[in-house]
Amino acid sequence: MMLLKQEEFRSLRMGSLTVAEYHDIFEQLVRYTQNDVEDDADKQHLFMKGLYYELRLQFARNTNPTF
């Protein structure tokens, strides 16, 4: 079960989800990936990686000290 959740997290993309839906799923799955997410910067990077390109560009202009 743990390995399946880790793989689901690694392949998570926003797709047709809203940002809120994507965020909720991301938060549910990130619990299973302590080895992939060591700090807040890792968490932000992985969240951004799953957003679609246009949103990623908009969010990249902003800097946030914490997730």
N, C-alpha and C. Protein backbone atom coordinates (compact mmCIF):
# COMPACT_ATOMS: atom_id res chain seq x y z
N MET A 1 0.83 -1.20 0.00
CA MET A 1 0.00 0.00 0.00
C MET A 1 0.87 1.25 0.00
N MET A 2 1.90 1.27 0.85
CA MET A 2 2.79 2.42 0.95
C MET A 2 3.48 2.69 -0.39
N LEU A 3 3.96 1.66 -1.05
CA LEU A 3 4.63 1.83 -2.33
C LEU A 3 3.68 2.36 -3.41
N LEU A 4 2.44 1.90 -3.38
CA LEU A 4 1.46 2.40 -4.34
C LEU A 4 1.18 3.88 -4.14
N LYS A 5 1.06 4.30 -2.89
CA LYS A 5 0.82 5.71 -2.58
C LYS A 5 2.03 6.57 -2.97
N GLN A 6 3.23 6.05 -2.76
CA GLN A 6 4.43 6.78 -3.15
C GLN A 6 4.47 6.97 -4.67
N GLU A 7 4.14 5.92 -5.40
CA GLU A 7 4.12 6.02 -6.86
C GLU A 7 3.02 6.96 -7.33
N GLU A 8 1.87 6.91 -6.68
CA GLU A 8 0.78 7.82 -7.02
C GLU A 8 1.23 9.27 -6.81
N PHE A 9 1.96 9.52 -5.72
CA PHE A 9 2.46 10.87 -5.45
C PHE A 9 3.44 11.30 -6.54
N ARG A 10 4.36 10.44 -6.89
CA ARG A 10 5.38 10.79 -7.89
C ARG A 10 4.78 11.09 -9.26
N SER A 11 3.66 10.47 -9.57
CA SER A 11 3.05 10.68 -10.88
C SER A 11 1.90 11.70 -10.84
N LEU A 12 1.65 12.30 -9.70
CA LEU A 12 0.54 13.25 -9.56
C LEU A 12 0.76 14.48 -10.42
N ARG A 13 -0.24 14.81 -11.22
CA ARG A 13 -0.26 16.03 -12.02
C ARG A 13 -1.63 16.67 -11.87
N MET A 14 -1.67 17.96 -12.02
CA MET A 14 -2.91 18.70 -11.84
C MET A 14 -3.98 18.31 -12.86
N GLY A 15 -3.59 18.22 -14.11
CA GLY A 15 -4.55 17.84 -15.15
C GLY A 15 -5.77 18.74 -15.14
N SER A 16 -6.95 18.16 -15.05
CA SER A 16 -8.19 18.93 -15.07
C SER A 16 -8.69 19.30 -13.67
N LEU A 17 -7.89 18.99 -12.65
CA LEU A 17 -8.28 19.34 -11.28
C LEU A 17 -8.16 20.85 -11.06
N THR A 18 -8.91 21.36 -10.11
CA THR A 18 -8.70 22.74 -9.68
C THR A 18 -7.44 22.76 -8.82
N VAL A 19 -6.91 23.94 -8.58
CA VAL A 19 -5.74 24.05 -7.72
C VAL A 19 -6.06 23.51 -6.33
N ALA A 20 -7.25 23.81 -5.82
CA ALA A 20 -7.65 23.34 -4.50
C ALA A 20 -7.72 21.81 -4.46
N GLU A 21 -8.29 21.21 -5.48
CA GLU A 21 -8.37 19.74 -5.54
C GLU A 21 -6.98 19.12 -5.62
N TYR A 22 -6.14 19.70 -6.48
CA TYR A 22 -4.76 19.21 -6.63
C TYR A 22 -4.02 19.33 -5.30
N HIS A 23 -4.18 20.46 -4.63
CA HIS A 23 -3.54 20.69 -3.33
C HIS A 23 -3.98 19.64 -2.31
N ASP A 24 -5.27 19.38 -2.25
CA ASP A 24 -5.79 18.41 -1.28
C ASP A 24 -5.21 17.01 -1.52
N ILE A 25 -5.19 16.59 -2.77
CA ILE A 25 -4.63 15.27 -3.09
C ILE A 25 -3.14 15.25 -2.80
N PHE A 26 -2.44 16.32 -3.16
CA PHE A 26 -1.01 16.43 -2.89
C PHE A 26 -0.74 16.27 -1.40
N GLU A 27 -1.50 16.98 -0.57
CA GLU A 27 -1.32 16.91 0.88
C GLU A 27 -1.62 15.52 1.43
N GLN A 28 -2.59 14.83 0.86
CA GLN A 28 -2.91 13.48 1.31
C GLN A 28 -1.77 12.52 1.00
N LEU A 29 -1.19 12.67 -0.19
CA LEU A 29 -0.17 11.73 -0.64
C LEU A 29 1.23 12.05 -0.13
N VAL A 30 1.51 13.30 0.17
CA VAL A 30 2.86 13.68 0.59
C VAL A 30 3.26 12.98 1.90
N ARG A 31 2.28 12.58 2.67
CA ARG A 31 2.56 11.86 3.93
C ARG A 31 3.31 10.56 3.71
N TYR A 32 3.14 9.98 2.53
CA TYR A 32 3.74 8.68 2.24
C TYR A 32 5.15 8.79 1.66
N THR A 33 5.67 10.01 1.52
CA THR A 33 6.92 10.20 0.79
C THR A 33 7.97 10.96 1.61
N GLN A 34 8.15 10.60 2.84
CA GLN A 34 9.11 11.30 3.68
C GLN A 34 10.51 11.31 3.07
N ASN A 35 10.88 10.28 2.33
CA ASN A 35 12.21 10.23 1.72
C ASN A 35 12.35 11.20 0.55
N ASP A 36 11.25 11.50 -0.14
CA ASP A 36 11.30 12.41 -1.28
C ASP A 36 11.17 13.87 -0.86
N VAL A 37 10.56 14.11 0.28
CA VAL A 37 10.28 15.47 0.72
C VAL A 37 10.97 15.70 2.07
N GLU A 38 12.17 16.22 2.02
CA GLU A 38 12.95 16.41 3.23
C GLU A 38 12.66 17.74 3.92
N ASP A 39 12.28 18.75 3.13
CA ASP A 39 12.02 20.06 3.72
C ASP A 39 10.96 20.80 2.90
N ASP A 40 10.65 22.00 3.34
CA ASP A 40 9.59 22.77 2.70
C ASP A 40 9.93 23.13 1.25
N ALA A 41 11.20 23.36 0.98
CA ALA A 41 11.61 23.68 -0.40
C ALA A 41 11.33 22.51 -1.33
N ASP A 42 11.58 21.28 -0.86
CA ASP A 42 11.27 20.09 -1.66
C ASP A 42 9.77 20.01 -1.93
N LYS A 43 8.98 20.28 -0.91
CA LYS A 43 7.53 20.21 -1.03
C LYS A 43 7.04 21.24 -2.06
N GLN A 44 7.55 22.46 -1.99
CA GLN A 44 7.16 23.48 -2.95
C GLN A 44 7.55 23.08 -4.37
N HIS A 45 8.76 22.57 -4.52
CA HIS A 45 9.24 22.17 -5.85
C HIS A 45 8.36 21.07 -6.44
N LEU A 46 8.04 20.07 -5.66
CA LEU A 46 7.23 18.96 -6.16
C LEU A 46 5.79 19.39 -6.45
N PHE A 47 5.25 20.30 -5.65
CA PHE A 47 3.91 20.82 -5.91
C PHE A 47 3.90 21.57 -7.24
N MET A 48 4.88 22.43 -7.44
CA MET A 48 4.96 23.21 -8.67
C MET A 48 5.14 22.31 -9.89
N LYS A 49 5.90 21.26 -9.73
CA LYS A 49 6.18 20.32 -10.82
C LYS A 49 4.90 19.71 -11.37
N GLY A 50 3.90 19.52 -10.53
CA GLY A 50 2.65 18.91 -10.96
C GLY A 50 1.63 19.86 -11.55
N LEU A 51 1.87 21.16 -11.42
CA LEU A 51 0.95 22.15 -11.99
C LEU A 51 1.10 22.19 -13.50
N TYR A 52 0.04 22.62 -14.19
CA TYR A 52 0.22 22.77 -15.63
C TYR A 52 1.03 24.03 -15.90
N TYR A 53 1.64 24.06 -17.06
CA TYR A 53 2.71 25.00 -17.38
C TYR A 53 2.35 26.47 -17.12
N GLU A 54 1.17 26.91 -17.55
CA GLU A 54 0.79 28.31 -17.40
C GLU A 54 0.72 28.71 -15.93
N LEU A 55 0.17 27.84 -15.10
CA LEU A 55 0.12 28.13 -13.66
C LEU A 55 1.51 28.13 -13.05
N ARG A 56 2.33 27.21 -13.49
CA ARG A 56 3.70 27.14 -12.99
C ARG A 56 4.42 28.46 -13.24
N LEU A 57 4.21 29.05 -14.41
CA LEU A 57 4.84 30.33 -14.73
C LEU A 57 4.34 31.43 -13.81
N GLN A 58 3.03 31.45 -13.55
CA GLN A 58 2.47 32.47 -12.67
C GLN A 58 2.99 32.33 -11.24
N PHE A 59 3.01 31.10 -10.74
CA PHE A 59 3.48 30.87 -9.37
C PHE A 59 4.98 31.07 -9.23
N ALA A 60 5.72 30.84 -10.31
CA ALA A 60 7.18 30.97 -10.25
C ALA A 60 7.60 32.40 -9.97
N ARG A 61 6.77 33.35 -10.32
CA ARG A 61 7.08 34.77 -10.06
C ARG A 61 7.00 35.11 -8.58
N ASN A 62 6.26 34.30 -7.85
CA ASN A 62 6.08 34.55 -6.42
C ASN A 62 7.07 33.69 -5.61
N THR A 63 7.57 34.24 -4.55
CA THR A 63 8.40 33.45 -3.66
C THR A 63 7.67 33.31 -2.33
N ASN A 64 7.62 32.08 -1.85
CA ASN A 64 6.94 31.80 -0.61
C ASN A 64 7.90 31.08 0.33
N PRO A 65 8.10 31.63 1.52
CA PRO A 65 9.05 31.00 2.44
C PRO A 65 8.61 29.64 2.93
N THR A 66 7.30 29.39 2.98
CA THR A 66 6.80 28.09 3.44
C THR A 66 5.67 27.63 2.53
N PHE A 67 5.45 26.33 2.52
CA PHE A 67 4.38 25.75 1.72
C PHE A 67 3.07 26.09 2.38
